[in-house]
C-alpha atoms as a PDB file:
ATOM      1  CA  UNK A   1      85.883  77.072  -2.506  1.00  0.00           C
ATOM      2  CA  UNK A   2      88.538  75.212  -0.454  1.00  0.00           C
ATOM      3  CA  UNK A   3      89.048  76.230   3.345  1.00  0.00           C
ATOM      4  CA  UNK A   4      91.988  78.850   3.639  1.00  0.00           C
ATOM      5  CA  UNK A   5      95.001  77.685   5.405  1.00  0.00           C
ATOM      6  CA  UNK A   6      97.691  79.408   7.742  1.00  0.00           C
ATOM      7  CA  UNK A   7     101.479  79.067   7.049  1.00  0.00           C
ATOM      8  CA  UNK A   8     104.806  80.821   8.237  1.00  0.00           C
ATOM      9  CA  UNK A   9     104.247  83.219   5.283  1.00  0.00           C
ATOM     10  CA  UNK A  10     100.586  84.176   4.667  1.00  0.00           C
ATOM     11  CA  UNK A  11      98.300  87.219   4.139  1.00  0.00           C
ATOM     12  CA  UNK A  12      94.686  87.398   5.373  1.00  0.00           C
ATOM     13  CA  UNK A  13      92.453  87.978   2.264  1.00  0.00           C
ATOM     14  CA  UNK A  14      89.159  89.681   1.947  1.00  0.00           C
ATOM     15  CA  UNK A  15      86.209  87.540   1.158  1.00  0.00           C
ATOM     16  CA  UNK A  16      82.929  88.744   0.285  1.00  0.00           C
ATOM     17  CA  UNK A  17      80.968  85.658  -0.988  1.00  0.00           C
ATOM     18  CA  UNK A  18      80.315  82.773   1.466  1.00  0.00           C
ATOM     19  CA  UNK A  19      78.932  82.742   4.578  1.00  0.00           C
ATOM     20  CA  UNK A  20      78.654  79.643   7.167  1.00  0.00           C
ATOM     21  CA  UNK A  21      76.515  80.683   9.914  1.00  0.00           C
ATOM     22  CA  UNK A  22      76.142  78.550  12.784  1.00  0.00           C
ATOM     23  CA  UNK A  23      73.272  77.428  14.571  1.00  0.00           C
ATOM     24  CA  UNK A  24      70.583  80.090  15.409  1.00  0.00           C
ATOM     25  CA  UNK A  25      72.712  83.010  13.844  1.00  0.00           C
ATOM     26  CA  UNK A  26      71.655  85.025  10.269  1.00  0.00           C
ATOM     27  CA  UNK A  27      72.922  87.447   8.221  1.00  0.00           C
ATOM     28  CA  UNK A  28      70.963  89.417   5.228  1.00  0.00           C
ATOM     29  CA  UNK A  29      71.490  87.700   2.078  1.00  0.00           C
ATOM     30  CA  UNK A  30      72.702  90.698   0.592  1.00  0.00           C
ATOM     31  CA  UNK A  31      75.461  91.332   2.891  1.00  0.00           C
ATOM     32  CA  UNK A  32      78.766  91.727   2.216  1.00  0.00           C
ATOM     33  CA  UNK A  33      80.963  90.210   5.008  1.00  0.00           C
ATOM     34  CA  UNK A  34      84.386  91.645   4.374  1.00  0.00           C
ATOM     35  CA  UNK A  35      87.646  91.247   6.366  1.00  0.00           C
ATOM     36  CA  UNK A  36      89.344  94.074   5.368  1.00  0.00           C
ATOM     37  CA  UNK A  37      92.169  94.256   8.015  1.00  0.00           C
ATOM     38  CA  UNK A  38      95.525  92.765   6.857  1.00  0.00           C
ATOM     39  CA  UNK A  39      98.119  91.069   9.266  1.00  0.00           C
ATOM     40  CA  UNK A  40     101.452  89.598   7.862  1.00  0.00           C
ATOM     41  CA  UNK A  41     103.699  86.849   9.386  1.00  0.00           C
ATOM     42  CA  UNK A  42     107.226  86.298   7.758  1.00  0.00           C
ATOM     43  CA  UNK A  43     109.000  83.275   7.852  1.00  0.00           C
ATOM     44  CA  UNK A  44     111.435  84.716  10.072  1.00  0.00           C
ATOM     45  CA  UNK A  45     108.885  84.962  12.842  1.00  0.00           C
ATOM     46  CA  UNK A  46     109.297  82.966  15.999  1.00  0.00           C
ATOM     47  CA  UNK A  47     107.057  80.400  17.001  1.00  0.00           C
ATOM     48  CA  UNK A  48     105.741  82.592  20.066  1.00  0.00           C
ATOM     49  CA  UNK A  49     105.340  85.269  17.771  1.00  0.00           C
ATOM     50  CA  UNK A  50     103.762  83.287  15.080  1.00  0.00           C
ATOM     51  CA  UNK A  51     101.050  81.802  17.593  1.00  0.00           C
ATOM     52  CA  UNK A  52     100.134  85.453  18.627  1.00  0.00           C
ATOM     53  CA  UNK A  53     100.096  86.766  14.677  1.00  0.00           C
ATOM     54  CA  UNK A  54      97.487  83.713  14.237  1.00  0.00           C
ATOM     55  CA  UNK A  55      95.430  84.540  17.196  1.00  0.00           C
ATOM     56  CA  UNK A  56      95.231  88.004  16.403  1.00  0.00           C
ATOM     57  CA  UNK A  57      93.907  87.342  13.318  1.00  0.00           C
ATOM     58  CA  UNK A  58      91.331  84.866  14.604  1.00  0.00           C
ATOM     59  CA  UNK A  59      90.243  87.566  17.107  1.00  0.00           C
ATOM     60  CA  UNK A  60      90.102  89.995  14.370  1.00  0.00           C
ATOM     61  CA  UNK A  61      87.850  87.626  12.105  1.00  0.00           C
ATOM     62  CA  UNK A  62      85.436  86.785  15.317  1.00  0.00           C
ATOM     63  CA  UNK A  63      85.059  90.663  16.100  1.00  0.00           C
ATOM     64  CA  UNK A  64      84.231  91.520  12.358  1.00  0.00           C
ATOM     65  CA  UNK A  65      81.458  88.878  12.101  1.00  0.00           C
ATOM     66  CA  UNK A  66      80.120  89.941  15.496  1.00  0.00           C
ATOM     67  CA  UNK A  67      80.150  93.600  14.334  1.00  0.00           C
ATOM     68  CA  UNK A  68      78.315  92.717  11.207  1.00  0.00           C
ATOM     69  CA  UNK A  69      75.605  90.348  12.677  1.00  0.00           C
ATOM     70  CA  UNK A  70      75.081  93.515  15.294  1.00  0.00           C
ATOM     71  CA  UNK A  71      75.087  96.395  12.804  1.00  0.00           C
ATOM     72  CA  UNK A  72      72.966  94.740   9.985  1.00  0.00           C
ATOM     73  CA  UNK A  73      69.474  94.528  10.007  1.00  0.00           C
ATOM     74  CA  UNK A  74      67.137  91.268  10.246  1.00  0.00           C
ATOM     75  CA  UNK A  75      66.696  89.276   7.251  1.00  0.00           C
ATOM     76  CA  UNK A  76      63.979  86.743   5.984  1.00  0.00           C
ATOM     77  CA  UNK A  77      66.538  84.516   4.661  1.00  0.00           C
ATOM     78  CA  UNK A  78      66.260  82.346   7.534  1.00  0.00           C
ATOM     79  CA  UNK A  79      62.917  83.154   9.062  1.00  0.00           C
ATOM     80  CA  UNK A  80      63.079  79.835  10.814  1.00  0.00           C
ATOM     81  CA  UNK A  81      65.850  79.192  13.289  1.00  0.00           C
ATOM     82  CA  UNK A  82      68.362  77.142  11.850  1.00  0.00           C
ATOM     83  CA  UNK A  83      68.045  73.497  13.128  1.00  0.00           C
ATOM     84  CA  UNK A  84      70.001  72.184  16.244  1.00  0.00           C
ATOM     85  CA  UNK A  85      73.401  70.642  15.340  1.00  0.00           C
ATOM     86  CA  UNK A  86      73.199  72.064  11.904  1.00  0.00           C
ATOM     87  CA  UNK A  87      74.902  75.123  10.172  1.00  0.00           C
ATOM     88  CA  UNK A  88      73.680  77.505   7.384  1.00  0.00           C
ATOM     89  CA  UNK A  89      75.955  77.465   4.217  1.00  0.00           C
ATOM     90  CA  UNK A  90      74.895  81.076   2.347  1.00  0.00           C
ATOM     91  CA  UNK A  91      76.373  82.085  -1.113  1.00  0.00           C
ATOM     92  CA  UNK A  92      74.713  85.216  -1.606  1.00  0.00           C
ATOM     93  CA  UNK A  93      76.799  85.829  -5.230  1.00  0.00           C
ATOM     94  CA  UNK A  94      75.689  82.674  -6.565  1.00  0.00           C
ATOM     95  CA  UNK A  95      72.561  82.571  -5.186  1.00  0.00           C
ATOM     96  CA  UNK A  96      71.416  79.494  -3.199  1.00  0.00           C
ATOM     97  CA  UNK A  97      71.507  78.580   0.298  1.00  0.00           C
ATOM     98  CA  UNK A  98      71.142  75.119   2.581  1.00  0.00           C
ATOM     99  CA  UNK A  99      71.614  73.589   5.942  1.00  0.00           C
ATOM    100  CA  UNK A 100      73.999  71.056   6.530  1.00  0.00           C
ATOM    101  CA  UNK A 101      75.180  68.644   9.816  1.00  0.00           C
ATOM    102  CA  UNK A 102      77.092  71.085  12.217  1.00  0.00           C
ATOM    103  CA  UNK A 103      79.921  68.574  12.562  1.00  0.00           C
ATOM    104  CA  UNK A 104      80.859  68.293   8.666  1.00  0.00           C
ATOM    105  CA  UNK A 105      84.173  69.932   7.180  1.00  0.00           C
ATOM    106  CA  UNK A 106      84.000  71.955   3.604  1.00  0.00           C
ATOM    107  CA  UNK A 107      85.892  69.828   0.880  1.00  0.00           C
ATOM    108  CA  UNK A 108      86.823  70.235  -2.683  1.00  0.00           C
ATOM    109  CA  UNK A 109      84.539  68.294  -4.771  1.00  0.00           C
ATOM    110  CA  UNK A 110      85.376  68.283  -8.653  1.00  0.00           C
ATOM    111  CA  UNK A 111      82.972  70.308 -10.694  1.00  0.00           C
ATOM    112  CA  UNK A 112      80.817  71.454  -7.414  1.00  0.00           C
ATOM    113  CA  UNK A 113      80.465  74.851  -6.352  1.00  0.00           C
ATOM    114  CA  UNK A 114      80.539  73.909  -2.887  1.00  0.00           C
ATOM    115  CA  UNK A 115      80.603  70.646  -0.858  1.00  0.00           C
ATOM    116  CA  UNK A 116      80.605  69.441   2.591  1.00  0.00           C
ATOM    117  CA  UNK A 117      81.191  65.980   3.936  1.00  0.00           C
ATOM    118  CA  UNK A 118      81.511  63.936   7.528  1.00  0.00           C
ATOM    119  CA  UNK A 119      84.767  64.022   8.758  1.00  0.00           C
ATOM    120  CA  UNK A 120      84.997  60.068   8.791  1.00  0.00           C
ATOM    121  CA  UNK A 121      82.351  58.469   6.424  1.00  0.00           C
ATOM    122  CA  UNK A 122      83.296  59.665   2.970  1.00  0.00           C
ATOM    123  CA  UNK A 123      80.484  58.913   1.031  1.00  0.00           C
ATOM    124  CA  UNK A 124      78.379  61.030   3.647  1.00  0.00           C
ATOM    125  CA  UNK A 125      78.661  64.361   1.793  1.00  0.00           C
ATOM    126  CA  UNK A 126      76.385  66.996   0.567  1.00  0.00           C
ATOM    127  CA  UNK A 127      77.501  69.130  -2.800  1.00  0.00           C
ATOM    128  CA  UNK A 128      75.896  71.538  -4.887  1.00  0.00           C
ATOM    129  CA  UNK A 129      76.801  72.672  -8.700  1.00  0.00           C
ATOM    130  CA  UNK A 130      75.026  74.953 -11.218  1.00  0.00           C
ATOM    131  CA  UNK A 131      75.232  75.038 -14.892  1.00  0.00           C
ATOM    132  CA  UNK A 132      73.904  77.842 -17.263  1.00  0.00           C
ATOM    133  CA  UNK A 133      70.494  77.529 -18.747  1.00  0.00           C
ATOM    134  CA  UNK A 134      68.059  79.590 -20.773  1.00  0.00           C
ATOM    135  CA  UNK A 135      64.791  77.994 -19.068  1.00  0.00           C
ATOM    136  CA  UNK A 136      63.306  80.177 -16.170  1.00  0.00           C
ATOM    137  CA  UNK A 137      61.291  77.647 -14.032  1.00  0.00           C
ATOM    138  CA  UNK A 138      62.032  73.652 -13.225  1.00  0.00           C
ATOM    139  CA  UNK A 139      58.735  73.182 -15.168  1.00  0.00           C
ATOM    140  CA  UNK A 140      60.404  74.229 -17.924  1.00  0.00           C
ATOM    141  CA  UNK A 141      62.267  70.861 -17.991  1.00  0.00           C
ATOM    142  CA  UNK A 142      59.139  68.851 -18.527  1.00  0.00           C
ATOM    143  CA  UNK A 143      57.084  66.701 -15.926  1.00  0.00           C
ATOM    144  CA  UNK A 144      58.707  65.833 -12.868  1.00  0.00           C
ATOM    145  CA  UNK A 145      58.460  62.168 -13.217  1.00  0.00           C
ATOM    146  CA  UNK A 146      59.823  62.087 -16.802  1.00  0.00           C
ATOM    147  CA  UNK A 147      62.864  64.718 -15.562  1.00  0.00           C
ATOM    148  CA  UNK A 148      63.928  62.675 -12.536  1.00  0.00           C
ATOM    149  CA  UNK A 149      63.609  59.671 -13.908  1.00  0.00           C
ATOM    150  CA  UNK A 150      66.029  60.441 -16.751  1.00  0.00           C
ATOM    151  CA  UNK A 151      68.512  62.250 -14.425  1.00  0.00           C
ATOM    152  CA  UNK A 152      68.643  59.405 -12.228  1.00  0.00           C
ATOM    153  CA  UNK A 153      68.912  56.383 -14.728  1.00  0.00           C
ATOM    154  CA  UNK A 154      70.833  58.327 -17.518  1.00  0.00           C
ATOM    155  CA  UNK A 155      72.677  60.996 -15.545  1.00  0.00           C
ATOM    156  CA  UNK A 156      73.593  59.947 -12.597  1.00  0.00           C
ATOM    157  CA  UNK A 157      73.928  56.339 -12.953  1.00  0.00           C
ATOM    158  CA  UNK A 158      77.356  55.081 -14.267  1.00  0.00           C
ATOM    159  CA  UNK A 159      76.973  52.203 -16.510  1.00  0.00           C
ATOM    160  CA  UNK A 160      77.491  49.272 -14.388  1.00  0.00           C
ATOM    161  CA  UNK A 161      74.992  51.021 -11.520  1.00  0.00           C
ATOM    162  CA  UNK A 162      71.409  50.118 -11.330  1.00  0.00           C
ATOM    163  CA  UNK A 163      69.453  52.711 -10.396  1.00  0.00           C
ATOM    164  CA  UNK A 164      66.333  52.596  -8.245  1.00  0.00           C
ATOM    165  CA  UNK A 165      63.868  55.759  -7.436  1.00  0.00           C
ATOM    166  CA  UNK A 166      62.092  55.481  -4.337  1.00  0.00           C
ATOM    167  CA  UNK A 167      60.181  58.855  -3.607  1.00  0.00           C
ATOM    168  CA  UNK A 168      60.026  62.221  -5.629  1.00  0.00           C
ATOM    169  CA  UNK A 169      58.188  65.631  -4.516  1.00  0.00           C
ATOM    170  CA  UNK A 170      57.572  68.879  -5.949  1.00  0.00           C
ATOM    171  CA  UNK A 171      57.554  71.979  -3.372  1.00  0.00           C
ATOM    172  CA  UNK A 172      57.226  75.682  -4.151  1.00  0.00           C
ATOM    173  CA  UNK A 173      58.926  78.313  -1.617  1.00  0.00           C
ATOM    174  CA  UNK A 174      58.425  82.037  -2.404  1.00  0.00           C
ATOM    175  CA  UNK A 175      57.233  81.638  -5.688  1.00  0.00           C
ATOM    176  CA  UNK A 176      60.237  79.151  -6.632  1.00  0.00           C
ATOM    177  CA  UNK A 177      59.922  75.619  -7.637  1.00  0.00           C
ATOM    178  CA  UNK A 178      62.043  72.246  -6.635  1.00  0.00           C
ATOM    179  CA  UNK A 179      61.894  68.493  -7.452  1.00  0.00           C
ATOM    180  CA  UNK A 180      63.452  66.518  -4.361  1.00  0.00           C
ATOM    181  CA  UNK A 181      63.831  62.966  -4.929  1.00  0.00           C
ATOM    182  CA  UNK A 182      65.396  59.985  -3.285  1.00  0.00           C
ATOM    183  CA  UNK A 183      67.188  57.470  -5.518  1.00  0.00           C
ATOM    184  CA  UNK A 184      69.654  54.464  -5.152  1.00  0.00           C
ATOM    185  CA  UNK A 185      72.665  53.770  -7.161  1.00  0.00           C
ATOM    186  CA  UNK A 186      73.803  49.852  -6.981  1.00  0.00           C
ATOM    187  CA  UNK A 187      77.241  48.743  -8.085  1.00  0.00           C
ATOM    188  CA  UNK A 188      78.820  45.385  -7.746  1.00  0.00           C
ATOM    189  CA  UNK A 189      80.473  46.230  -4.798  1.00  0.00           C
ATOM    190  CA  UNK A 190      78.816  48.873  -2.973  1.00  0.00           C
ATOM    191  CA  UNK A 191      75.680  51.117  -3.433  1.00  0.00           C
ATOM    192  CA  UNK A 192      74.438  54.414  -2.136  1.00  0.00           C
ATOM    193  CA  UNK A 193      71.558  56.623  -1.466  1.00  0.00           C
ATOM    194  CA  UNK A 194      70.917  60.095  -1.798  1.00  0.00           C
ATOM    195  CA  UNK A 195      68.559  62.771  -1.877  1.00  0.00           C
ATOM    196  CA  UNK A 196      68.619  65.385  -4.488  1.00  0.00           C
ATOM    197  CA  UNK A 197      67.052  68.797  -4.813  1.00  0.00           C
ATOM    198  CA  UNK A 198      67.097  70.695  -8.331  1.00  0.00           C
ATOM    199  CA  UNK A 199      65.932  74.313  -9.132  1.00  0.00           C
ATOM    200  CA  UNK A 200      66.245  76.879 -11.827  1.00  0.00           C
ATOM    201  CA  UNK A 201      66.562  80.521 -11.148  1.00  0.00           C
ATOM    202  CA  UNK A 202      69.101  83.345 -12.167  1.00  0.00           C
ATOM    203  CA  UNK A 203      69.563  81.743 -15.630  1.00  0.00           C
ATOM    204  CA  UNK A 204      71.409  78.867 -13.803  1.00  0.00           C
ATOM    205  CA  UNK A 205      70.120  75.036 -13.173  1.00  0.00           C
ATOM    206  CA  UNK A 206      70.936  74.097  -9.611  1.00  0.00           C
ATOM    207  CA  UNK A 207      71.564  70.719  -8.256  1.00  0.00           C
ATOM    208  CA  UNK A 208      71.938  69.740  -4.476  1.00  0.00           C
ATOM    209  CA  UNK A 209      72.705  65.934  -3.814  1.00  0.00           C
ATOM    210  CA  UNK A 210      73.047  64.718  -0.277  1.00  0.00           C
ATOM    211  CA  UNK A 211      73.865  61.108   0.244  1.00  0.00           C
ATOM    212  CA  UNK A 212      75.655  58.245   2.362  1.00  0.00           C
ATOM    213  CA  UNK A 213      76.202  54.383   1.887  1.00  0.00           C
ATOM    214  CA  UNK A 214      73.268  52.419   1.856  1.00  0.00           C
ATOM    215  CA  UNK A 215      74.294  50.314   4.661  1.00  0.00           C
ATOM    216  CA  UNK A 216      73.619  53.450   7.028  1.00  0.00           C
ATOM    217  CA  UNK A 217      71.060  55.176   5.124  1.00  0.00           C
ATOM    218  CA  UNK A 218      68.262  53.927   7.403  1.00  0.00           C
ATOM    219  CA  UNK A 219      70.251  55.215  10.220  1.00  0.00           C
ATOM    220  CA  UNK A 220      70.962  59.000   8.599  1.00  0.00           C
ATOM    221  CA  UNK A 221      68.190  59.285   6.369  1.00  0.00           C
ATOM    222  CA  UNK A 222      65.953  62.229   8.302  1.00  0.00           C
ATOM    223  CA  UNK A 223      69.185  63.999   8.996  1.00  0.00           C
ATOM    224  CA  UNK A 224      70.050  64.094   5.400  1.00  0.00           C
ATOM    225  CA  UNK A 225      66.451  64.956   4.522  1.00  0.00           C
ATOM    226  CA  UNK A 226      66.731  68.200   6.183  1.00  0.00           C
ATOM    227  CA  UNK A 227      69.893  68.859   4.078  1.00  0.00           C
ATOM    228  CA  UNK A 228      67.679  68.490   0.706  1.00  0.00           C
ATOM    229  CA  UNK A 229      64.622  70.156   2.209  1.00  0.00           C
ATOM    230  CA  UNK A 230      66.333  73.358   3.440  1.00  0.00           C
ATOM    231  CA  UNK A 231      67.949  74.205  -0.289  1.00  0.00           C
ATOM    232  CA  UNK A 232      66.750  77.428  -1.705  1.00  0.00           C
ATOM    233  CA  UNK A 233      67.734  79.361  -4.491  1.00  0.00           C
ATOM    234  CA  UNK A 234      68.363  83.535  -4.287  1.00  0.00           C
ATOM    235  CA  UNK A 235      67.828  86.070  -6.047  1.00  0.00           C
ATOM    236  CA  UNK A 236      70.649  87.634  -7.494  1.00  0.00           C
END
C-alpha cells in the first residue's frame, strides 16, 4: 500500500492492482493496468543521467496510462463524473472504490488496506479495511441501529472515550446495501468526529472511516461526507 520511491538504485515494477484516477477520468473496473517496461539506474549513474532516467520513467508511466485510457472501453464504475477537487481510488483486486480530496496523500495506516490524509492535518484522513466474513449482506449483522450502536460504543471507542452517534442511514446501490453513520469520540484531551460506511460483499466485511478533529468538523463536514457516500464495493 505504501507509495513507491525512487533512489540511486531502483527498478520500476509492474503494478496491476490499484488505480488512482484524477478528476473526470475513468477506467473499467476489471482493467489490469500494468507497467511492463523496466528502466534501471545504477548507483554509479551521474546526477544528470539519473534525472534523465527518472524523467523517462515518469514519461513512460504517463504514456501507458494515456494509452490504457484510450484503448479500453468505457465503464459504468463511475457513471457520474468524479466531483471537482476529488480523485477516485479503485482497488479492483480487493473489490472497492471511493473518492478522496485531490490534495490528500497516501499513507500507511496500521491494519488497513488503503489510506489517505490531509498533508497538514494528521487527524483528517480516510482509511479502508476489510476482514473475512461468512455473512453475505450487511442486513445479516442485524438491525441498523443495533449494529451501529455496538460498533461505535464497543469497537471504535477506547475505554477512556465517550461515544455519541449523531446520524445513521441506509442506502442501496446496484443491489448492495450500505450503512453510513456519523459519530463523535471524545477523549479527556481531544475529540474526533467521523463518518463511517460499512458493507458486505465478496466474503468480506468492509469499513471506510473518514474523519477530522471535532473543532474543524463543521468546516469540513460536507467535504468528508462526499468521501463516505462515494464508497462502493465491487464484484471480484
